[in-house]
Amino acid sequence: MTQTVAVLYGGRSAEREVSLSSGRECIVALREAGFDVIPIEVTDDLPAVIHALTHPRPDAVFNALHGRYGEDGCIQGVLDWLGIPYTHSGLRASALAMDKAAAKAVFRAAGLPIVDHRLVTRDELEAADPLPLPYVVKPVNEGSSVGVHIMLEGSNRRAEIARNWRFGEHAMAETYVPGRELTVGVMGDRALAVTDIIADAGAFYDYDSKYAEGGSRHVVPAQMPAEDYARALDIALRAHQALGCRGASRADLRYDETAQGTRRLVLLEVNTQPGLTPTSLLPEQAAHCGIPFPALCAWMVKEARHGA
């Protein structure tokens, strides 16, 4: 019997365009994998979304939403209420991972490597540097590097950034870690591979580097000592488990080799709704491990659950 899968995509976050792209890719892949697919483009009209999810009621939901309301526990709570199995993490893990301060508390308790950080109000950020330079300023509850700024020695942008801040009452400041940008995808109880990300469109792996054509280059597997590669895989899997994630996730790390004779890995955050666009990292790592994109999407549906 053909399984019916509703694909939720679009949404109302700053990552709507990314989600639309992810959703379109997943719709094609799921149909190729043999599913009967119901595309549901999500807008501000929640009653319309609920009606589409119940008339007819699908066997499962493929959550291709990104950002606020789609990966922070909101839509997960709706789907739990409706009792419909859905892909990716449940409400609690989604909310924890999206709240960077809460996630870092979980990572610290699990003994995972993180850097100093603090939450500051816009007024505090405008008044003074919250940490010694260099440091990073980022939203507490956004993804895809939306609103991220690197404050370097001699930078005079702090007050302007604070005055124009539009991502809530607080910002997170965290110590800047030099070095390479790495990412590790996780499928269930398996860390897939380590990708070395070389940003070409921006000064770091920002929104344009992630989604613009030619914005970045991905080296998979990353070229690094075997023990460090294995440790990066372990950190990503342990972070996935510490948050209580299920299905697929992706951990972002920094790999600092700048001090002669020393190397360190630092966990930045975990994305519970990894991008599934043509330039996305998780599908690329899955393919590296011999898992085609339709098979990856079908596996996600197989792992769909509701509840915590």
C-alpha atoms as a PDB file:
ATOM      1  CA  MET A   1       0.000   0.000   0.000  1.00  0.00           C
ATOM      2  CA  THR A   2       1.392   3.399  -0.963  1.00  0.00           C
ATOM      3  CA  GLN A   3       2.118   5.591   2.034  1.00  0.00           C
ATOM      4  CA  THR A   4       0.794   9.164   1.919  1.00  0.00           C
ATOM      5  CA  VAL A   5       3.248  11.832   3.073  1.00  0.00           C
ATOM      6  CA  ALA A   6       2.427  15.515   3.504  1.00  0.00           C
ATOM      7  CA  VAL A   7       5.419  17.812   2.945  1.00  0.00           C
ATOM      8  CA  LEU A   8       5.353  21.032   4.981  1.00  0.00           C
ATOM      9  CA  TYR A   9       7.490  23.749   3.425  1.00  0.00           C
ATOM     10  CA  GLY A  10       7.710  27.525   3.264  1.00  0.00           C
ATOM     11  CA  GLY A  11       6.695  28.803   6.679  1.00  0.00           C
ATOM     12  CA  ARG A  12       6.952  32.288   8.142  1.00  0.00           C
ATOM     13  CA  SER A  13      10.584  32.508   9.290  1.00  0.00           C
ATOM     14  CA  ALA A  14      13.558  34.374   7.849  1.00  0.00           C
ATOM     15  CA  GLU A  15      14.452  31.069   6.166  1.00  0.00           C
ATOM     16  CA  ARG A  16      11.249  30.762   4.143  1.00  0.00           C
ATOM     17  CA  GLU A  17      13.027  30.770   0.769  1.00  0.00           C
ATOM     18  CA  VAL A  18      15.421  28.051   1.917  1.00  0.00           C
ATOM     19  CA  SER A  19      12.480  25.958   3.102  1.00  0.00           C
ATOM     20  CA  LEU A  20      10.671  26.387  -0.217  1.00  0.00           C
ATOM     21  CA  SER A  21      13.772  25.081  -1.977  1.00  0.00           C
ATOM     22  CA  SER A  22      14.153  22.169   0.475  1.00  0.00           C
ATOM     23  CA  GLY A  23      10.473  21.301   0.116  1.00  0.00           C
ATOM     24  CA  ARG A  24      10.555  21.216  -3.666  1.00  0.00           C
ATOM     25  CA  GLU A  25      13.560  18.870  -3.616  1.00  0.00           C
ATOM     26  CA  CYS A  26      11.913  16.582  -1.052  1.00  0.00           C
ATOM     27  CA  ILE A  27       8.618  16.410  -2.953  1.00  0.00           C
ATOM     28  CA  VAL A  28      10.418  15.157  -6.069  1.00  0.00           C
ATOM     29  CA  ALA A  29      12.586  12.725  -4.085  1.00  0.00           C
ATOM     30  CA  LEU A  30       9.679  11.258  -2.110  1.00  0.00           C
ATOM     31  CA  ARG A  31       7.649  10.683  -5.254  1.00  0.00           C
ATOM     32  CA  GLU A  32      10.670   9.012  -6.815  1.00  0.00           C
ATOM     33  CA  ALA A  33      10.865   6.809  -3.695  1.00  0.00           C
ATOM     34  CA  GLY A  34       7.269   5.690  -4.250  1.00  0.00           C
ATOM     35  CA  PHE A  35       5.287   7.834  -1.816  1.00  0.00           C
ATOM     36  CA  ASP A  36       1.993   9.581  -2.512  1.00  0.00           C
ATOM     37  CA  VAL A  37       2.949  13.186  -1.710  1.00  0.00           C
ATOM     38  CA  ILE A  38       0.687  16.037  -0.574  1.00  0.00           C
ATOM     39  CA  PRO A  39       2.583  19.362  -0.811  1.00  0.00           C
ATOM     40  CA  ILE A  40       1.457  21.887   1.836  1.00  0.00           C
ATOM     41  CA  GLU A  41       2.962  25.353   1.509  1.00  0.00           C
ATOM     42  CA  VAL A  42       2.841  26.834   5.007  1.00  0.00           C
ATOM     43  CA  THR A  43       1.879  30.502   5.468  1.00  0.00           C
ATOM     44  CA  ASP A  44       0.700  32.607   8.426  1.00  0.00           C
ATOM     45  CA  ASP A  45      -2.684  30.838   8.250  1.00  0.00           C
ATOM     46  CA  LEU A  46      -2.343  28.049  10.829  1.00  0.00           C
ATOM     47  CA  PRO A  47      -6.001  26.926  10.595  1.00  0.00           C
ATOM     48  CA  ALA A  48      -5.459  26.394   6.867  1.00  0.00           C
ATOM     49  CA  VAL A  49      -2.386  24.253   7.609  1.00  0.00           C
ATOM     50  CA  ILE A  50      -4.336  22.162  10.124  1.00  0.00           C
ATOM     51  CA  HIS A  51      -7.187  21.738   7.632  1.00  0.00           C
ATOM     52  CA  ALA A  52      -4.739  20.596   4.940  1.00  0.00           C
ATOM     53  CA  LEU A  53      -3.214  18.108   7.395  1.00  0.00           C
ATOM     54  CA  THR A  54      -6.574  16.555   8.232  1.00  0.00           C
ATOM     55  CA  HIS A  55      -8.429  16.667   4.885  1.00  0.00           C
ATOM     56  CA  PRO A  56      -7.126  14.131   3.990  1.00  0.00           C
ATOM     57  CA  ARG A  57      -5.020  12.962   6.906  1.00  0.00           C
ATOM     58  CA  PRO A  58      -1.564  11.724   5.780  1.00  0.00           C
ATOM     59  CA  ASP A  59       0.243   8.691   7.165  1.00  0.00           C
ATOM     60  CA  ALA A  60       3.218  10.924   8.006  1.00  0.00           C
ATOM     61  CA  VAL A  61       4.474  14.494   7.671  1.00  0.00           C
ATOM     62  CA  PHE A  62       7.813  15.381   6.137  1.00  0.00           C
ATOM     63  CA  ASN A  63       8.841  18.554   7.925  1.00  0.00           C
ATOM     64  CA  ALA A  64      10.847  20.642   5.443  1.00  0.00           C
ATOM     65  CA  LEU A  65      10.383  23.871   7.404  1.00  0.00           C
ATOM     66  CA  HIS A  66      13.392  25.837   8.632  1.00  0.00           C
ATOM     67  CA  GLY A  67      13.803  28.498  11.289  1.00  0.00           C
ATOM     68  CA  ARG A  68      11.264  29.814  13.772  1.00  0.00           C
ATOM     69  CA  TYR A  69       7.908  28.037  14.027  1.00  0.00           C
ATOM     70  CA  GLY A  70       9.239  25.186  11.878  1.00  0.00           C
ATOM     71  CA  GLU A  71      12.189  23.865  13.862  1.00  0.00           C
ATOM     72  CA  ASP A  72      11.742  25.378  17.316  1.00  0.00           C
ATOM     73  CA  GLY A  73       9.018  23.035  18.584  1.00  0.00           C
ATOM     74  CA  CYS A  74       5.970  25.025  17.368  1.00  0.00           C
ATOM     75  CA  ILE A  75       4.886  22.898  14.414  1.00  0.00           C
ATOM     76  CA  GLN A  76       6.053  19.809  16.299  1.00  0.00           C
ATOM     77  CA  GLY A  77       3.557  20.630  19.050  1.00  0.00           C
ATOM     78  CA  VAL A  78       0.757  20.997  16.499  1.00  0.00           C
ATOM     79  CA  LEU A  79       1.616  17.625  14.949  1.00  0.00           C
ATOM     80  CA  ASP A  80       1.839  15.995  18.394  1.00  0.00           C
ATOM     81  CA  TRP A  81      -1.648  17.384  19.160  1.00  0.00           C
ATOM     82  CA  LEU A  82      -2.956  15.950  15.888  1.00  0.00           C
ATOM     83  CA  GLY A  83      -1.198  12.634  16.520  1.00  0.00           C
ATOM     84  CA  ILE A  84       0.494  12.593  13.105  1.00  0.00           C
ATOM     85  CA  PRO A  85       4.011  11.092  12.873  1.00  0.00           C
ATOM     86  CA  TYR A  86       6.588  13.580  11.553  1.00  0.00           C
ATOM     87  CA  THR A  87      10.208  13.564  10.484  1.00  0.00           C
ATOM     88  CA  HIS A  88      13.162  14.984  12.405  1.00  0.00           C
ATOM     89  CA  SER A  89      13.243  15.798  16.121  1.00  0.00           C
ATOM     90  CA  GLY A  90      10.334  16.136  18.532  1.00  0.00           C
ATOM     91  CA  LEU A  91       9.135  19.220  20.368  1.00  0.00           C
ATOM     92  CA  ARG A  92      11.586  19.176  23.269  1.00  0.00           C
ATOM     93  CA  ALA A  93      14.775  18.513  21.280  1.00  0.00           C
ATOM     94  CA  SER A  94      13.712  21.004  18.606  1.00  0.00           C
ATOM     95  CA  ALA A  95      13.101  23.753  21.169  1.00  0.00           C
ATOM     96  CA  LEU A  96      16.377  23.044  22.976  1.00  0.00           C
ATOM     97  CA  ALA A  97      18.489  23.046  19.830  1.00  0.00           C
ATOM     98  CA  MET A  98      16.914  26.245  18.482  1.00  0.00           C
ATOM     99  CA  ASP A  99      17.558  28.111  21.744  1.00  0.00           C
ATOM    100  CA  LYS A 100      21.328  28.521  21.537  1.00  0.00           C
ATOM    101  CA  ALA A 101      21.705  29.359  25.229  1.00  0.00           C
ATOM    102  CA  ALA A 102      19.710  26.291  26.325  1.00  0.00           C
ATOM    103  CA  ALA A 103      21.594  24.076  23.872  1.00  0.00           C
ATOM    104  CA  LYS A 104      24.966  25.251  25.187  1.00  0.00           C
ATOM    105  CA  ALA A 105      23.860  24.412  28.735  1.00  0.00           C
ATOM    106  CA  VAL A 106      23.045  20.876  27.566  1.00  0.00           C
ATOM    107  CA  PHE A 107      26.367  20.599  25.725  1.00  0.00           C
ATOM    108  CA  ARG A 108      28.320  21.780  28.771  1.00  0.00           C
ATOM    109  CA  ALA A 109      26.515  19.268  31.004  1.00  0.00           C
ATOM    110  CA  ALA A 110      27.404  16.520  28.518  1.00  0.00           C
ATOM    111  CA  GLY A 111      31.088  17.479  28.605  1.00  0.00           C
ATOM    112  CA  LEU A 112      31.137  18.665  24.987  1.00  0.00           C
ATOM    113  CA  PRO A 113      33.639  21.372  23.927  1.00  0.00           C
ATOM    114  CA  ILE A 114      32.085  24.856  23.762  1.00  0.00           C
ATOM    115  CA  VAL A 115      33.425  28.400  24.153  1.00  0.00           C
ATOM    116  CA  ASP A 116      32.587  31.248  26.523  1.00  0.00           C
ATOM    117  CA  HIS A 117      29.349  33.042  25.739  1.00  0.00           C
ATOM    118  CA  ARG A 118      26.771  35.332  27.294  1.00  0.00           C
ATOM    119  CA  LEU A 119      23.355  36.787  26.527  1.00  0.00           C
ATOM    120  CA  VAL A 120      23.143  40.569  26.268  1.00  0.00           C
ATOM    121  CA  THR A 121      20.373  43.089  25.695  1.00  0.00           C
ATOM    122  CA  ARG A 122      20.535  45.507  22.795  1.00  0.00           C
ATOM    123  CA  ASP A 123      21.353  48.327  25.251  1.00  0.00           C
ATOM    124  CA  GLU A 124      24.201  46.332  26.793  1.00  0.00           C
ATOM    125  CA  LEU A 125      25.627  45.535  23.374  1.00  0.00           C
ATOM    126  CA  GLU A 126      25.418  49.181  22.322  1.00  0.00           C
ATOM    127  CA  ALA A 127      27.158  50.329  25.513  1.00  0.00           C
ATOM    128  CA  ALA A 128      30.184  48.011  25.588  1.00  0.00           C
ATOM    129  CA  ASP A 129      31.835  44.884  24.236  1.00  0.00           C
ATOM    130  CA  PRO A 130      30.283  41.939  26.112  1.00  0.00           C
ATOM    131  CA  LEU A 131      33.391  39.783  25.629  1.00  0.00           C
ATOM    132  CA  PRO A 132      37.035  40.424  24.762  1.00  0.00           C
ATOM    133  CA  LEU A 133      37.564  40.900  21.033  1.00  0.00           C
ATOM    134  CA  PRO A 134      37.264  39.014  18.763  1.00  0.00           C
ATOM    135  CA  TYR A 135      33.779  37.644  19.394  1.00  0.00           C
ATOM    136  CA  VAL A 136      30.642  36.701  17.465  1.00  0.00           C
ATOM    137  CA  VAL A 137      27.177  38.246  17.854  1.00  0.00           C
ATOM    138  CA  LYS A 138      24.254  36.071  16.795  1.00  0.00           C
ATOM    139  CA  PRO A 139      20.507  35.708  17.362  1.00  0.00           C
ATOM    140  CA  VAL A 140      19.461  33.279  20.069  1.00  0.00           C
ATOM    141  CA  ASN A 141      16.690  31.680  17.984  1.00  0.00           C
ATOM    142  CA  GLU A 142      17.552  31.842  14.290  1.00  0.00           C
ATOM    143  CA  GLY A 143      19.324  29.504  11.873  1.00  0.00           C
ATOM    144  CA  SER A 144      21.173  29.638   8.538  1.00  0.00           C
ATOM    145  CA  SER A 145      23.591  32.225   9.984  1.00  0.00           C
ATOM    146  CA  VAL A 146      20.843  34.869   9.824  1.00  0.00           C
ATOM    147  CA  GLY A 147      21.940  37.961  11.778  1.00  0.00           C
ATOM    148  CA  VAL A 148      25.463  36.694  12.591  1.00  0.00           C
ATOM    149  CA  HIS A 149      28.271  39.256  12.907  1.00  0.00           C
ATOM    150  CA  ILE A 150      31.972  38.712  13.655  1.00  0.00           C
ATOM    151  CA  MET A 151      33.449  41.527  15.753  1.00  0.00           C
ATOM    152  CA  LEU A 152      37.184  41.775  15.095  1.00  0.00           C
ATOM    153  CA  GLU A 153      39.913  43.964  16.604  1.00  0.00           C
ATOM    154  CA  GLY A 154      39.353  47.535  15.477  1.00  0.00           C
ATOM    155  CA  SER A 155      35.720  46.976  14.480  1.00  0.00           C
ATOM    156  CA  ASN A 156      33.453  49.962  15.080  1.00  0.00           C
ATOM    157  CA  ARG A 157      30.153  48.318  14.078  1.00  0.00           C
ATOM    158  CA  ARG A 158      28.955  47.155  17.507  1.00  0.00           C
ATOM    159  CA  ALA A 159      26.715  50.133  18.334  1.00  0.00           C
ATOM    160  CA  GLU A 160      25.185  50.165  14.853  1.00  0.00           C
ATOM    161  CA  ILE A 161      24.477  46.415  15.033  1.00  0.00           C
ATOM    162  CA  ALA A 162      22.841  46.888  18.448  1.00  0.00           C
ATOM    163  CA  ARG A 163      20.627  49.770  17.279  1.00  0.00           C
ATOM    164  CA  ASN A 164      19.464  47.804  14.219  1.00  0.00           C
ATOM    165  CA  TRP A 165      19.007  44.477  16.062  1.00  0.00           C
ATOM    166  CA  ARG A 166      15.693  42.856  15.047  1.00  0.00           C
ATOM    167  CA  PHE A 167      16.033  39.342  16.465  1.00  0.00           C
ATOM    168  CA  GLY A 168      14.456  39.758  19.889  1.00  0.00           C
ATOM    169  CA  GLU A 169      15.425  41.451  23.132  1.00  0.00           C
ATOM    170  CA  HIS A 170      18.657  39.504  23.541  1.00  0.00           C
ATOM    171  CA  ALA A 171      21.649  38.607  21.409  1.00  0.00           C
ATOM    172  CA  MET A 172      24.234  35.932  22.100  1.00  0.00           C
ATOM    173  CA  ALA A 173      27.884  36.893  22.192  1.00  0.00           C
ATOM    174  CA  GLU A 174      30.404  34.078  22.035  1.00  0.00           C
ATOM    175  CA  THR A 175      34.169  33.943  21.800  1.00  0.00           C
ATOM    176  CA  TYR A 176      35.354  33.800  18.189  1.00  0.00           C
ATOM    177  CA  VAL A 177      37.193  30.612  17.288  1.00  0.00           C
ATOM    178  CA  PRO A 178      39.619  30.945  14.373  1.00  0.00           C
ATOM    179  CA  GLY A 179      40.253  28.106  11.982  1.00  0.00           C
ATOM    180  CA  ARG A 180      38.208  25.886   9.725  1.00  0.00           C
ATOM    181  CA  GLU A 181      34.429  25.485   9.532  1.00  0.00           C
ATOM    182  CA  LEU A 182      33.396  21.829   9.812  1.00  0.00           C
ATOM    183  CA  THR A 183      30.021  20.150   9.811  1.00  0.00           C
ATOM    184  CA  VAL A 184      28.919  16.603  10.602  1.00  0.00           C
ATOM    185  CA  GLY A 185      25.592  15.060   9.639  1.00  0.00           C
ATOM    186  CA  VAL A 186      23.931  12.460  11.864  1.00  0.00           C
ATOM    187  CA  MET A 187      21.360   9.856  10.834  1.00  0.00           C
ATOM    188  CA  GLY A 188      19.891   8.152  13.889  1.00  0.00           C
ATOM    189  CA  ASP A 189      22.800   6.554  15.734  1.00  0.00           C
ATOM    190  CA  ARG A 190      25.358   7.149  12.960  1.00  0.00           C
ATOM    191  CA  ALA A 191      27.550  10.155  12.274  1.00  0.00           C
ATOM    192  CA  LEU A 192      27.984  10.293   8.508  1.00  0.00           C
ATOM    193  CA  ALA A 193      31.103  12.265   7.601  1.00  0.00           C
ATOM    194  CA  VAL A 194      33.036  15.453   8.277  1.00  0.00           C
ATOM    195  CA  THR A 195      32.793  18.212   5.685  1.00  0.00           C
ATOM    196  CA  ASP A 196      35.276  21.072   5.483  1.00  0.00           C
ATOM    197  CA  ILE A 197      33.397  24.205   4.371  1.00  0.00           C
ATOM    198  CA  ILE A 198      35.308  26.865   2.458  1.00  0.00           C
ATOM    199  CA  ALA A 199      33.206  30.026   2.254  1.00  0.00           C
ATOM    200  CA  ASP A 200      33.695  32.021  -0.961  1.00  0.00           C
ATOM    201  CA  ALA A 201      30.718  34.411  -0.918  1.00  0.00           C
ATOM    202  CA  GLY A 202      31.302  35.814   2.583  1.00  0.00           C
ATOM    203  CA  ALA A 203      33.870  36.258   5.330  1.00  0.00           C
ATOM    204  CA  PHE A 204      32.503  33.120   6.978  1.00  0.00           C
ATOM    205  CA  TYR A 205      29.829  30.487   6.225  1.00  0.00           C
ATOM    206  CA  ASP A 206      27.057  33.086   6.153  1.00  0.00           C
ATOM    207  CA  TYR A 207      23.668  33.002   4.434  1.00  0.00           C
ATOM    208  CA  ASP A 208      25.063  33.821   0.982  1.00  0.00           C
ATOM    209  CA  SER A 209      27.849  31.278   1.315  1.00  0.00           C
ATOM    210  CA  LYS A 210      25.294  28.635   2.264  1.00  0.00           C
ATOM    211  CA  TYR A 211      22.700  29.228  -0.424  1.00  0.00           C
ATOM    212  CA  ALA A 212      24.131  31.263  -3.308  1.00  0.00           C
ATOM    213  CA  GLU A 213      25.363  29.295  -6.296  1.00  0.00           C
ATOM    214  CA  GLY A 214      29.134  29.081  -5.941  1.00  0.00           C
ATOM    215  CA  GLY A 215      28.907  30.552  -2.437  1.00  0.00           C
ATOM    216  CA  SER A 216      31.026  27.850  -0.847  1.00  0.00           C
ATOM    217  CA  ARG A 217      33.029  24.731  -1.539  1.00  0.00           C
ATOM    218  CA  HIS A 218      32.522  21.533   0.420  1.00  0.00           C
ATOM    219  CA  VAL A 219      35.402  19.108   0.926  1.00  0.00           C
ATOM    220  CA  VAL A 220      34.111  15.702   2.042  1.00  0.00           C
ATOM    221  CA  PRO A 221      35.742  13.935   3.710  1.00  0.00           C
ATOM    222  CA  ALA A 222      37.626  16.758   5.408  1.00  0.00           C
ATOM    223  CA  GLN A 223      41.393  16.423   5.256  1.00  0.00           C
ATOM    224  CA  MET A 224      42.571  16.243   8.869  1.00  0.00           C
ATOM    225  CA  PRO A 225      44.346  13.821  11.209  1.00  0.00           C
ATOM    226  CA  ALA A 226      42.389  10.591  11.676  1.00  0.00           C
ATOM    227  CA  GLU A 227      42.031  11.057  15.428  1.00  0.00           C
ATOM    228  CA  ASP A 228      40.557  14.540  14.979  1.00  0.00           C
ATOM    229  CA  TYR A 229      38.195  13.299  12.257  1.00  0.00           C
ATOM    230  CA  ALA A 230      36.975  10.538  14.578  1.00  0.00           C
ATOM    231  CA  ARG A 231      36.555  13.018  17.419  1.00  0.00           C
ATOM    232  CA  ALA A 232      34.462  15.346  15.244  1.00  0.00           C
ATOM    233  CA  LEU A 233      32.154  12.431  14.408  1.00  0.00           C
ATOM    234  CA  ASP A 234      31.907  11.558  18.101  1.00  0.00           C
ATOM    235  CA  ILE A 235      31.120  15.148  19.155  1.00  0.00           C
ATOM    236  CA  ALA A 236      28.293  15.399  16.612  1.00  0.00           C
ATOM    237  CA  LEU A 237      26.727  12.104  17.659  1.00  0.00           C
ATOM    238  CA  ARG A 238      27.001  12.928  21.371  1.00  0.00           C
ATOM    239  CA  ALA A 239      25.447  16.369  20.787  1.00  0.00           C
ATOM    240  CA  HIS A 240      22.558  14.751  18.863  1.00  0.00           C
ATOM    241  CA  GLN A 241      22.015  12.336  21.738  1.00  0.00           C
ATOM    242  CA  ALA A 242      22.411  14.963  24.500  1.00  0.00           C
ATOM    243  CA  LEU A 243      19.634  17.090  22.994  1.00  0.00           C
ATOM    244  CA  GLY A 244      17.415  14.036  22.483  1.00  0.00           C
ATOM    245  CA  CYS A 245      17.297  14.456  18.703  1.00  0.00           C
ATOM    246  CA  ARG A 246      15.846  11.833  16.404  1.00  0.00           C
ATOM    247  CA  GLY A 247      16.029  11.318  12.657  1.00  0.00           C
ATOM    248  CA  ALA A 248      18.666  13.521  11.051  1.00  0.00           C
ATOM    249  CA  SER A 249      20.606  16.454  12.480  1.00  0.00           C
ATOM    250  CA  ARG A 250      23.769  18.349  11.613  1.00  0.00           C
ATOM    251  CA  ALA A 251      26.401  19.676  14.019  1.00  0.00           C
ATOM    252  CA  ASP A 252      28.546  22.716  13.184  1.00  0.00           C
ATOM    253  CA  LEU A 253      32.059  22.884  14.603  1.00  0.00           C
ATOM    254  CA  ARG A 254      35.204  24.990  14.397  1.00  0.00           C
ATOM    255  CA  TYR A 255      38.598  23.336  13.981  1.00  0.00           C
ATOM    256  CA  ASP A 256      41.363  25.570  15.316  1.00  0.00           C
ATOM    257  CA  GLU A 257      44.889  24.776  14.150  1.00  0.00           C
ATOM    258  CA  THR A 258      46.161  28.331  14.423  1.00  0.00           C
ATOM    259  CA  ALA A 259      48.354  27.821  17.497  1.00  0.00           C
ATOM    260  CA  GLN A 260      51.468  25.923  16.532  1.00  0.00           C
ATOM    261  CA  GLY A 261      51.491  22.381  17.862  1.00  0.00           C
ATOM    262  CA  THR A 262      47.888  22.428  19.103  1.00  0.00           C
ATOM    263  CA  ARG A 263      44.546  21.513  17.560  1.00  0.00           C
ATOM    264  CA  ARG A 264      41.094  21.874  19.055  1.00  0.00           C
ATOM    265  CA  LEU A 265      37.528  21.179  18.014  1.00  0.00           C
ATOM    266  CA  VAL A 266      34.704  23.410  19.284  1.00  0.00           C
ATOM    267  CA  LEU A 267      30.999  22.618  18.988  1.00  0.00           C
ATOM    268  CA  LEU A 268      28.958  25.634  17.872  1.00  0.00           C
ATOM    269  CA  GLU A 269      25.405  24.339  17.481  1.00  0.00           C
ATOM    270  CA  VAL A 270      23.148  21.552  16.239  1.00  0.00           C
ATOM    271  CA  ASN A 271      20.635  22.009  13.430  1.00  0.00           C
ATOM    272  CA  THR A 272      17.639  19.695  13.831  1.00  0.00           C
ATOM    273  CA  GLN A 273      16.243  20.597  10.386  1.00  0.00           C
ATOM    274  CA  PRO A 274      19.305  20.416   8.102  1.00  0.00           C
ATOM    275  CA  GLY A 275      18.889  22.008   4.698  1.00  0.00           C
ATOM    276  CA  LEU A 276      17.793  19.774   1.853  1.00  0.00           C
ATOM    277  CA  THR A 277      18.508  22.149  -1.025  1.00  0.00           C
ATOM    278  CA  PRO A 278      20.739  21.426  -4.036  1.00  0.00           C
ATOM    279  CA  THR A 279      23.724  22.940  -2.161  1.00  0.00           C
ATOM    280  CA  SER A 280      22.979  21.385   1.248  1.00  0.00           C
ATOM    281  CA  LEU A 281      25.468  19.472   3.323  1.00  0.00           C
ATOM    282  CA  LEU A 282      23.484  16.555   4.753  1.00  0.00           C
ATOM    283  CA  PRO A 283      22.432  15.122   1.351  1.00  0.00           C
ATOM    284  CA  GLU A 284      26.016  15.533   0.172  1.00  0.00           C
ATOM    285  CA  GLN A 285      27.339  13.557   3.151  1.00  0.00           C
ATOM    286  CA  ALA A 286      24.656  10.885   2.724  1.00  0.00           C
ATOM    287  CA  ALA A 287      25.653  10.493  -0.931  1.00  0.00           C
ATOM    288  CA  HIS A 288      29.280  10.180   0.168  1.00  0.00           C
ATOM    289  CA  CYS A 289      28.152   7.265   2.370  1.00  0.00           C
ATOM    290  CA  GLY A 290      26.278   5.640  -0.539  1.00  0.00           C
ATOM    291  CA  ILE A 291      22.783   6.917   0.354  1.00  0.00           C
ATOM    292  CA  PRO A 292      21.005   8.605  -2.601  1.00  0.00           C
ATOM    293  CA  PHE A 293      18.737  11.555  -1.871  1.00  0.00           C
ATOM    294  CA  PRO A 294      15.431   9.660  -2.396  1.00  0.00           C
ATOM    295  CA  ALA A 295      16.671   6.946  -0.023  1.00  0.00           C
ATOM    296  CA  LEU A 296      17.640   9.595   2.550  1.00  0.00           C
ATOM    297  CA  CYS A 297      14.147  11.136   2.392  1.00  0.00           C
ATOM    298  CA  ALA A 298      12.503   7.698   2.565  1.00  0.00           C
ATOM    299  CA  TRP A 299      14.597   6.852   5.655  1.00  0.00           C
ATOM    300  CA  MET A 300      13.407  10.071   7.307  1.00  0.00           C
ATOM    301  CA  VAL A 301       9.789   9.078   6.700  1.00  0.00           C
ATOM    302  CA  LYS A 302      10.478   5.601   8.096  1.00  0.00           C
ATOM    303  CA  GLU A 303      11.839   7.248  11.280  1.00  0.00           C
ATOM    304  CA  ALA A 304       8.838   9.586  11.614  1.00  0.00           C
ATOM    305  CA  ARG A 305       7.269   9.708  15.079  1.00  0.00           C
ATOM    306  CA  HIS A 306       5.084  11.952  17.182  1.00  0.00           C
ATOM    307  CA  GLY A 307       5.491  12.732  20.859  1.00  0.00           C
ATOM    308  CA  ALA A 308       8.735  13.476  22.716  1.00  0.00           C
END
